[in-house]
Amino acid sequence: MLENVDFRELSIEDISINLLDNFNRYQKVIKCWGNKEGIWTLMDEEYVVDWDKNKKQSVIKTFSDIIEKKKGYVFGAYFEENLIGFSVLLNNKFGSMGQYIQLKFLHVSLDYRHKGIRRKLFKLIIKKAEDIGVEKVYISANDSVDTIKFYFSMGCKDAFEINREIAKEEPYDRPLEYKIE
């Protein structure tokens, strides 16, 4: 499967109003990590993430803004001309020593998960961060067990410094970091 997927950095020419029409962000969560008095605890919590057309249009607008204003980098995974996965790295450095750069998005469409696509997109982000010359990638990760398990399998750890602005925007997410070696 992976050999038939085209991975590339997107340009403004790749962005269209129907870019995510076939993208299925559906995720059913039955267990997640919650922060209880400063300790990450596994909890039984059921919820569903499922992007509607408005959310998809908002994400497409974000892609355009990031590319046009050179705020970062958007990578895509294409299969038969359909965008089946994407990752976004913002280029704003932050942290006490400017050591962080933010992974904004990393998603794979439902039918294409567990095929190595997310791993490859993550590696593209890490390579770009390394090229930029930062020490760490900051991730505000969805609190689901599967998501956190993936990031830990990639070598991520709980973030040493918490970006309060990002944490305010995503209060249920778990702040993680990946140290560039």
C-alpha atoms as a PDB file:
ATOM      1  CA  MET A   1       0.000   0.000   0.000  1.00  0.00           C
ATOM      2  CA  LEU A   2       2.641   2.516   1.093  1.00  0.00           C
ATOM      3  CA  GLU A   3       4.538   2.139  -2.189  1.00  0.00           C
ATOM      4  CA  ASN A   4       1.439   3.418  -4.064  1.00  0.00           C
ATOM      5  CA  VAL A   5       1.095   6.530  -1.897  1.00  0.00           C
ATOM      6  CA  ASP A   6       2.582   9.810  -3.101  1.00  0.00           C
ATOM      7  CA  PHE A   7       3.980  11.896  -0.226  1.00  0.00           C
ATOM      8  CA  ARG A   8       4.812  15.525  -0.934  1.00  0.00           C
ATOM      9  CA  GLU A   9       4.901  19.028   0.421  1.00  0.00           C
ATOM     10  CA  LEU A  10       1.820  20.887  -0.764  1.00  0.00           C
ATOM     11  CA  SER A  11       1.940  24.168  -2.649  1.00  0.00           C
ATOM     12  CA  ILE A  12      -0.870  26.671  -3.034  1.00  0.00           C
ATOM     13  CA  GLU A  13      -1.700  25.028  -6.387  1.00  0.00           C
ATOM     14  CA  ASP A  14      -2.598  21.817  -4.523  1.00  0.00           C
ATOM     15  CA  ILE A  15      -5.242  23.562  -2.423  1.00  0.00           C
ATOM     16  CA  SER A  16      -8.822  23.475  -3.693  1.00  0.00           C
ATOM     17  CA  ILE A  17     -12.255  23.852  -2.167  1.00  0.00           C
ATOM     18  CA  ASN A  18     -12.880  20.096  -2.584  1.00  0.00           C
ATOM     19  CA  LEU A  19      -9.468  18.914  -1.322  1.00  0.00           C
ATOM     20  CA  LEU A  20     -10.983  17.101   1.692  1.00  0.00           C
ATOM     21  CA  ASP A  21     -14.253  15.923   0.109  1.00  0.00           C
ATOM     22  CA  ASN A  22     -13.156  12.266   0.291  1.00  0.00           C
ATOM     23  CA  PHE A  23     -11.286  12.599   3.589  1.00  0.00           C
ATOM     24  CA  ASN A  24     -12.913  10.763   6.519  1.00  0.00           C
ATOM     25  CA  ARG A  25     -11.715  12.102   9.898  1.00  0.00           C
ATOM     26  CA  TYR A  26     -14.044   9.774  11.843  1.00  0.00           C
ATOM     27  CA  GLN A  27     -12.619   8.472  15.126  1.00  0.00           C
ATOM     28  CA  LYS A  28     -14.526   6.763  17.918  1.00  0.00           C
ATOM     29  CA  VAL A  29     -12.768   7.081  21.258  1.00  0.00           C
ATOM     30  CA  ILE A  30     -13.685   4.836  24.190  1.00  0.00           C
ATOM     31  CA  LYS A  31     -10.649   5.423  26.421  1.00  0.00           C
ATOM     32  CA  CYS A  32      -8.624   8.576  26.735  1.00  0.00           C
ATOM     33  CA  TRP A  33      -5.993  10.231  28.872  1.00  0.00           C
ATOM     34  CA  GLY A  34      -7.103  12.932  31.266  1.00  0.00           C
ATOM     35  CA  ASN A  35      -4.999  15.174  33.465  1.00  0.00           C
ATOM     36  CA  LYS A  36      -6.138  14.785  37.064  1.00  0.00           C
ATOM     37  CA  GLU A  37      -4.274  17.120  39.399  1.00  0.00           C
ATOM     38  CA  GLY A  38      -1.144  17.037  37.237  1.00  0.00           C
ATOM     39  CA  ILE A  39      -1.135  13.264  36.643  1.00  0.00           C
ATOM     40  CA  TRP A  40      -2.114  11.709  33.308  1.00  0.00           C
ATOM     41  CA  THR A  41      -4.731   9.049  34.032  1.00  0.00           C
ATOM     42  CA  LEU A  42      -6.461   6.599  31.700  1.00  0.00           C
ATOM     43  CA  MET A  43     -10.221   7.157  31.761  1.00  0.00           C
ATOM     44  CA  ASP A  44     -13.305   5.503  30.287  1.00  0.00           C
ATOM     45  CA  GLU A  45     -14.634   8.329  28.151  1.00  0.00           C
ATOM     46  CA  GLU A  46     -16.584   7.846  24.931  1.00  0.00           C
ATOM     47  CA  TYR A  47     -16.780  10.432  22.191  1.00  0.00           C
ATOM     48  CA  VAL A  48     -16.650  10.656  18.415  1.00  0.00           C
ATOM     49  CA  VAL A  49     -14.597  12.987  16.246  1.00  0.00           C
ATOM     50  CA  ASP A  50     -16.134  13.412  12.798  1.00  0.00           C
ATOM     51  CA  TRP A  51     -15.474  16.422  10.599  1.00  0.00           C
ATOM     52  CA  ASP A  52     -18.395  17.917   8.721  1.00  0.00           C
ATOM     53  CA  LYS A  53     -18.110  20.008   5.550  1.00  0.00           C
ATOM     54  CA  ASN A  54     -17.667  23.243   7.531  1.00  0.00           C
ATOM     55  CA  LYS A  55     -14.769  21.817   9.544  1.00  0.00           C
ATOM     56  CA  LYS A  56     -13.131  20.509   6.373  1.00  0.00           C
ATOM     57  CA  GLN A  57     -13.473  23.943   4.744  1.00  0.00           C
ATOM     58  CA  SER A  58     -11.913  25.524   7.828  1.00  0.00           C
ATOM     59  CA  VAL A  59      -8.942  23.136   7.609  1.00  0.00           C
ATOM     60  CA  ILE A  60      -8.520  23.891   3.881  1.00  0.00           C
ATOM     61  CA  LYS A  61      -8.539  27.617   4.670  1.00  0.00           C
ATOM     62  CA  THR A  62      -5.876  26.971   7.320  1.00  0.00           C
ATOM     63  CA  PHE A  63      -3.744  25.145   4.731  1.00  0.00           C
ATOM     64  CA  SER A  64      -4.043  28.106   2.324  1.00  0.00           C
ATOM     65  CA  ASP A  65      -3.183  30.618   5.016  1.00  0.00           C
ATOM     66  CA  ILE A  66      -0.146  28.646   6.171  1.00  0.00           C
ATOM     67  CA  ILE A  67       1.226  28.217   2.650  1.00  0.00           C
ATOM     68  CA  GLU A  68       0.447  31.717   1.341  1.00  0.00           C
ATOM     69  CA  LYS A  69       1.798  33.539   4.395  1.00  0.00           C
ATOM     70  CA  LYS A  70       4.733  31.144   4.789  1.00  0.00           C
ATOM     71  CA  LYS A  71       3.632  30.274   8.329  1.00  0.00           C
ATOM     72  CA  GLY A  72       4.717  26.666   7.935  1.00  0.00           C
ATOM     73  CA  TYR A  73       4.603  23.542   5.828  1.00  0.00           C
ATOM     74  CA  VAL A  74       1.787  21.244   4.728  1.00  0.00           C
ATOM     75  CA  PHE A  75       2.554  17.678   3.685  1.00  0.00           C
ATOM     76  CA  GLY A  76       0.093  15.392   1.971  1.00  0.00           C
ATOM     77  CA  ALA A  77      -0.279  11.698   1.279  1.00  0.00           C
ATOM     78  CA  TYR A  78      -2.132  10.997  -1.958  1.00  0.00           C
ATOM     79  CA  PHE A  79      -3.584   7.758  -3.230  1.00  0.00           C
ATOM     80  CA  GLU A  80      -5.173   7.776  -6.685  1.00  0.00           C
ATOM     81  CA  GLU A  81      -5.346  11.610  -6.668  1.00  0.00           C
ATOM     82  CA  ASN A  82      -7.177  11.719  -3.299  1.00  0.00           C
ATOM     83  CA  LEU A  83      -5.640  13.319  -0.220  1.00  0.00           C
ATOM     84  CA  ILE A  84      -5.682  10.487   2.322  1.00  0.00           C
ATOM     85  CA  GLY A  85      -3.421  11.986   4.970  1.00  0.00           C
ATOM     86  CA  PHE A  86      -1.753  15.234   5.898  1.00  0.00           C
ATOM     87  CA  SER A  87       0.544  16.828   8.419  1.00  0.00           C
ATOM     88  CA  VAL A  88       1.241  20.475   9.155  1.00  0.00           C
ATOM     89  CA  LEU A  89       4.290  22.002  10.801  1.00  0.00           C
ATOM     90  CA  LEU A  90       4.119  25.654  11.823  1.00  0.00           C
ATOM     91  CA  ASN A  91       7.365  27.606  11.667  1.00  0.00           C
ATOM     92  CA  ASN A  92       6.892  29.805  14.730  1.00  0.00           C
ATOM     93  CA  LYS A  93       9.564  28.974  17.287  1.00  0.00           C
ATOM     94  CA  PHE A  94       8.644  29.200  20.963  1.00  0.00           C
ATOM     95  CA  GLY A  95       9.711  27.969  24.386  1.00  0.00           C
ATOM     96  CA  SER A  96      12.126  29.409  26.924  1.00  0.00           C
ATOM     97  CA  MET A  97      14.998  29.085  24.442  1.00  0.00           C
ATOM     98  CA  GLY A  98      13.070  29.024  21.154  1.00  0.00           C
ATOM     99  CA  GLN A  99      13.550  25.261  21.126  1.00  0.00           C
ATOM    100  CA  TYR A 100      10.055  24.262  19.971  1.00  0.00           C
ATOM    101  CA  ILE A 101       8.161  24.290  16.703  1.00  0.00           C
ATOM    102  CA  GLN A 102       4.552  23.053  16.539  1.00  0.00           C
ATOM    103  CA  LEU A 103       3.068  20.055  14.775  1.00  0.00           C
ATOM    104  CA  LYS A 104      -0.390  21.480  14.054  1.00  0.00           C
ATOM    105  CA  PHE A 105      -2.098  18.540  12.309  1.00  0.00           C
ATOM    106  CA  LEU A 106      -1.403  14.878  11.642  1.00  0.00           C
ATOM    107  CA  HIS A 107      -4.409  12.978  10.294  1.00  0.00           C
ATOM    108  CA  VAL A 108      -5.063   9.971   8.075  1.00  0.00           C
ATOM    109  CA  SER A 109      -8.435   9.209   6.517  1.00  0.00           C
ATOM    110  CA  LEU A 110     -10.285   6.325   8.208  1.00  0.00           C
ATOM    111  CA  ASP A 111      -9.909   3.711   5.436  1.00  0.00           C
ATOM    112  CA  TYR A 112      -6.142   4.272   5.190  1.00  0.00           C
ATOM    113  CA  ARG A 113      -5.136   4.038   8.854  1.00  0.00           C
ATOM    114  CA  HIS A 114      -2.718   1.382  10.161  1.00  0.00           C
ATOM    115  CA  LYS A 115      -0.817   1.215   6.870  1.00  0.00           C
ATOM    116  CA  GLY A 116       2.257   3.289   7.818  1.00  0.00           C
ATOM    117  CA  ILE A 117       0.983   6.559   6.349  1.00  0.00           C
ATOM    118  CA  ARG A 118       0.836   8.444   9.672  1.00  0.00           C
ATOM    119  CA  ARG A 119       4.354   7.242  10.518  1.00  0.00           C
ATOM    120  CA  LYS A 120       5.713   8.488   7.171  1.00  0.00           C
ATOM    121  CA  LEU A 121       3.957  11.865   7.533  1.00  0.00           C
ATOM    122  CA  PHE A 122       5.403  12.213  11.044  1.00  0.00           C
ATOM    123  CA  LYS A 123       8.900  11.473   9.736  1.00  0.00           C
ATOM    124  CA  LEU A 124       8.489  14.165   7.060  1.00  0.00           C
ATOM    125  CA  ILE A 125       7.618  16.671   9.796  1.00  0.00           C
ATOM    126  CA  ILE A 126      10.629  15.643  11.864  1.00  0.00           C
ATOM    127  CA  LYS A 127      12.949  15.966   8.849  1.00  0.00           C
ATOM    128  CA  LYS A 128      11.610  19.450   8.110  1.00  0.00           C
ATOM    129  CA  ALA A 129      12.023  20.485  11.768  1.00  0.00           C
ATOM    130  CA  GLU A 130      15.581  19.174  11.681  1.00  0.00           C
ATOM    131  CA  ASP A 131      16.271  21.188   8.499  1.00  0.00           C
ATOM    132  CA  ILE A 132      14.898  24.315  10.207  1.00  0.00           C
ATOM    133  CA  GLY A 133      17.259  23.704  13.106  1.00  0.00           C
ATOM    134  CA  VAL A 134      14.949  23.403  16.096  1.00  0.00           C
ATOM    135  CA  GLU A 135      15.570  21.145  19.057  1.00  0.00           C
ATOM    136  CA  LYS A 136      12.024  19.851  19.598  1.00  0.00           C
ATOM    137  CA  VAL A 137       8.643  19.423  17.928  1.00  0.00           C
ATOM    138  CA  TYR A 138       5.692  20.308  20.163  1.00  0.00           C
ATOM    139  CA  ILE A 139       2.511  18.261  19.748  1.00  0.00           C
ATOM    140  CA  SER A 140      -0.896  18.999  21.213  1.00  0.00           C
ATOM    141  CA  ALA A 141      -2.113  15.420  20.879  1.00  0.00           C
ATOM    142  CA  ASN A 142      -5.698  14.198  20.907  1.00  0.00           C
ATOM    143  CA  ASP A 143      -6.210  12.442  24.245  1.00  0.00           C
ATOM    144  CA  SER A 144      -7.283   9.076  22.769  1.00  0.00           C
ATOM    145  CA  VAL A 145      -5.329   5.982  23.783  1.00  0.00           C
ATOM    146  CA  ASP A 146      -4.505   5.157  20.147  1.00  0.00           C
ATOM    147  CA  THR A 147      -3.161   8.626  19.410  1.00  0.00           C
ATOM    148  CA  ILE A 148      -0.952   8.807  22.498  1.00  0.00           C
ATOM    149  CA  LYS A 149       0.269   5.244  21.897  1.00  0.00           C
ATOM    150  CA  PHE A 150       1.302   6.222  18.353  1.00  0.00           C
ATOM    151  CA  TYR A 151       3.260   9.284  19.467  1.00  0.00           C
ATOM    152  CA  PHE A 152       5.009   7.381  22.254  1.00  0.00           C
ATOM    153  CA  SER A 153       5.933   4.665  19.729  1.00  0.00           C
ATOM    154  CA  MET A 154       7.581   7.393  17.632  1.00  0.00           C
ATOM    155  CA  GLY A 155       9.728   8.486  20.588  1.00  0.00           C
ATOM    156  CA  CYS A 156       7.625  11.359  21.901  1.00  0.00           C
ATOM    157  CA  LYS A 157       7.414  12.175  25.599  1.00  0.00           C
ATOM    158  CA  ASP A 158       5.276  14.468  27.707  1.00  0.00           C
ATOM    159  CA  ALA A 159       6.301  18.060  26.954  1.00  0.00           C
ATOM    160  CA  PHE A 160       8.869  19.554  29.318  1.00  0.00           C
ATOM    161  CA  GLU A 161       7.411  23.033  28.763  1.00  0.00           C
ATOM    162  CA  ILE A 162       3.687  23.612  28.227  1.00  0.00           C
ATOM    163  CA  ASN A 163       2.652  26.257  25.702  1.00  0.00           C
ATOM    164  CA  ARG A 164      -0.220  27.931  27.560  1.00  0.00           C
ATOM    165  CA  GLU A 165      -1.793  29.434  24.408  1.00  0.00           C
ATOM    166  CA  ILE A 166      -1.978  26.054  22.688  1.00  0.00           C
ATOM    167  CA  ALA A 167      -3.197  24.350  25.882  1.00  0.00           C
ATOM    168  CA  LYS A 168      -5.960  26.968  26.168  1.00  0.00           C
ATOM    169  CA  GLU A 169      -7.091  26.280  22.575  1.00  0.00           C
ATOM    170  CA  GLU A 170      -7.011  22.497  23.103  1.00  0.00           C
ATOM    171  CA  PRO A 171      -7.695  21.947  26.833  1.00  0.00           C
ATOM    172  CA  TYR A 172      -8.210  18.173  26.574  1.00  0.00           C
ATOM    173  CA  ASP A 173      -5.144  17.477  24.451  1.00  0.00           C
ATOM    174  CA  ARG A 174      -1.977  16.026  25.918  1.00  0.00           C
ATOM    175  CA  PRO A 175       1.128  18.198  25.335  1.00  0.00           C
ATOM    176  CA  LEU A 176       3.958  16.070  23.944  1.00  0.00           C
ATOM    177  CA  GLU A 177       7.354  16.729  22.453  1.00  0.00           C
ATOM    178  CA  TYR A 178       9.739  14.988  20.107  1.00  0.00           C
ATOM    179  CA  LYS A 179      13.425  15.716  20.574  1.00  0.00           C
ATOM    180  CA  ILE A 180      15.368  16.046  17.322  1.00  0.00           C
ATOM    181  CA  GLU A 181      18.493  13.878  17.544  1.00  0.00           C
END
